[in-house]
Amino acid sequence: MEYSAHFSHAVSQRIDPSCRIDTAFASGHVQALDSAAWPKMVGLWASYNRYLAHVIRHLPDAKLEVVCRIGSNAPVSLRYLAEDYVVHLVHHLDQIGVATCS
């Protein structure tokens, strides 16, 4: 349950960082994560990440230094957001023993 809640929340936040999810929803209460089939959750997470990999691969070089502001965090480049996402993803893949790079 802990991983599925984190995966679901992390992916939804990274798809559209300007969209914040209500705490009850993000914590899994509304999503009913405890009754969702694990293979379905992993499939959803994998699909989101394959799509994000597609988007990252197609980011135009000319846009990589665009400044992004998310909430009250310090501004960062689009390049940083993309690279940080990959680092975060590899961290979770390491946690479950399936990372293929580091």
Foldseek 3Di string as FASTA:
>chain_A
DVVLLCLVLVLVCLVPVQDHDDPCVSNCVVVVVVPDDPVVSVVVSVVSVVVLVVVVVPDDPVQQQPWDDHPPDDIGGNVCSSVVVVVVVLVVCVVVPRRPDD
